[in-house]
């Protein structure tokens, strides 16, 4: 089941009301940084696995 456009719009409105319009960009920025760090950690883990296999 995929959410429809109405459900997504309702979620966005609720999030805006809970956190305020000024906080949303800050939250999105921190999520983006965390995602980048996670991907970097995965890449380093894969390098370690390849190095120990040889």
C-alpha atoms as a PDB file:
ATOM      1  CA  UNK A   1       0.000   0.000   0.000  1.00  0.00           C
ATOM      2  CA  UNK A   2       1.450   3.294  -1.084  1.00  0.00           C
ATOM      3  CA  UNK A   3       0.212   6.536   0.472  1.00  0.00           C
ATOM      4  CA  UNK A   4      -1.748   8.765  -1.833  1.00  0.00           C
ATOM      5  CA  UNK A   5      -1.200  12.478  -2.375  1.00  0.00           C
ATOM      6  CA  UNK A   6      -3.846  13.421   0.202  1.00  0.00           C
ATOM      7  CA  UNK A   7      -2.138  11.367   2.936  1.00  0.00           C
ATOM      8  CA  UNK A   8       1.257  12.852   2.086  1.00  0.00           C
ATOM      9  CA  UNK A   9      -0.191  16.383   2.189  1.00  0.00           C
ATOM     10  CA  UNK A  10      -1.791  15.728   5.568  1.00  0.00           C
ATOM     11  CA  UNK A  11       1.524  14.400   6.946  1.00  0.00           C
ATOM     12  CA  UNK A  12       3.407  17.459   5.686  1.00  0.00           C
ATOM     13  CA  UNK A  13       0.862  19.796   7.279  1.00  0.00           C
ATOM     14  CA  UNK A  14       1.005  17.939  10.602  1.00  0.00           C
ATOM     15  CA  UNK A  15       4.817  18.016  10.607  1.00  0.00           C
ATOM     16  CA  UNK A  16       4.799  21.745   9.813  1.00  0.00           C
ATOM     17  CA  UNK A  17       2.400  22.383  12.680  1.00  0.00           C
ATOM     18  CA  UNK A  18       4.396  20.287  15.140  1.00  0.00           C
ATOM     19  CA  UNK A  19       7.874  21.584  14.359  1.00  0.00           C
ATOM     20  CA  UNK A  20       7.233  24.974  12.818  1.00  0.00           C
ATOM     21  CA  UNK A  21       8.304  26.190   9.396  1.00  0.00           C
ATOM     22  CA  UNK A  22      11.704  27.428  10.641  1.00  0.00           C
ATOM     23  CA  UNK A  23      12.762  24.043  12.066  1.00  0.00           C
ATOM     24  CA  UNK A  24      11.922  21.907   9.015  1.00  0.00           C
ATOM     25  CA  UNK A  25      14.981  22.913   6.911  1.00  0.00           C
ATOM     26  CA  UNK A  26      17.245  22.309   9.905  1.00  0.00           C
ATOM     27  CA  UNK A  27      15.775  18.856  10.465  1.00  0.00           C
ATOM     28  CA  UNK A  28      16.094  17.993   6.762  1.00  0.00           C
ATOM     29  CA  UNK A  29      19.726  19.160   6.758  1.00  0.00           C
ATOM     30  CA  UNK A  30      20.590  16.995   9.757  1.00  0.00           C
ATOM     31  CA  UNK A  31      18.873  13.969   8.185  1.00  0.00           C
ATOM     32  CA  UNK A  32      20.893  14.531   4.993  1.00  0.00           C
ATOM     33  CA  UNK A  33      24.149  14.700   6.940  1.00  0.00           C
ATOM     34  CA  UNK A  34      23.279  11.524   8.847  1.00  0.00           C
ATOM     35  CA  UNK A  35      22.467   9.743   5.581  1.00  0.00           C
ATOM     36  CA  UNK A  36      25.833  10.804   4.133  1.00  0.00           C
ATOM     37  CA  UNK A  37      27.709   9.582   7.203  1.00  0.00           C
ATOM     38  CA  UNK A  38      25.854   6.275   7.058  1.00  0.00           C
ATOM     39  CA  UNK A  39      26.776   5.750   3.398  1.00  0.00           C
ATOM     40  CA  UNK A  40      30.394   6.654   4.167  1.00  0.00           C
ATOM     41  CA  UNK A  41      30.453   4.103   6.986  1.00  0.00           C
ATOM     42  CA  UNK A  42      29.033   1.421   4.714  1.00  0.00           C
ATOM     43  CA  UNK A  43      31.678   2.139   2.085  1.00  0.00           C
ATOM     44  CA  UNK A  44      34.457   1.928   4.687  1.00  0.00           C
ATOM     45  CA  UNK A  45      33.002  -1.340   6.000  1.00  0.00           C
ATOM     46  CA  UNK A  46      33.005  -2.823   2.523  1.00  0.00           C
ATOM     47  CA  UNK A  47      36.637  -1.772   2.030  1.00  0.00           C
ATOM     48  CA  UNK A  48      37.566  -3.492   5.299  1.00  0.00           C
ATOM     49  CA  UNK A  49      35.740  -6.671   4.250  1.00  0.00           C
ATOM     50  CA  UNK A  50      37.529  -6.785   0.885  1.00  0.00           C
ATOM     51  CA  UNK A  51      40.915  -6.140   2.522  1.00  0.00           C
ATOM     52  CA  UNK A  52      40.461  -8.960   5.050  1.00  0.00           C
ATOM     53  CA  UNK A  53      39.302 -11.443   2.371  1.00  0.00           C
ATOM     54  CA  UNK A  54      42.568 -11.166   0.425  1.00  0.00           C
END
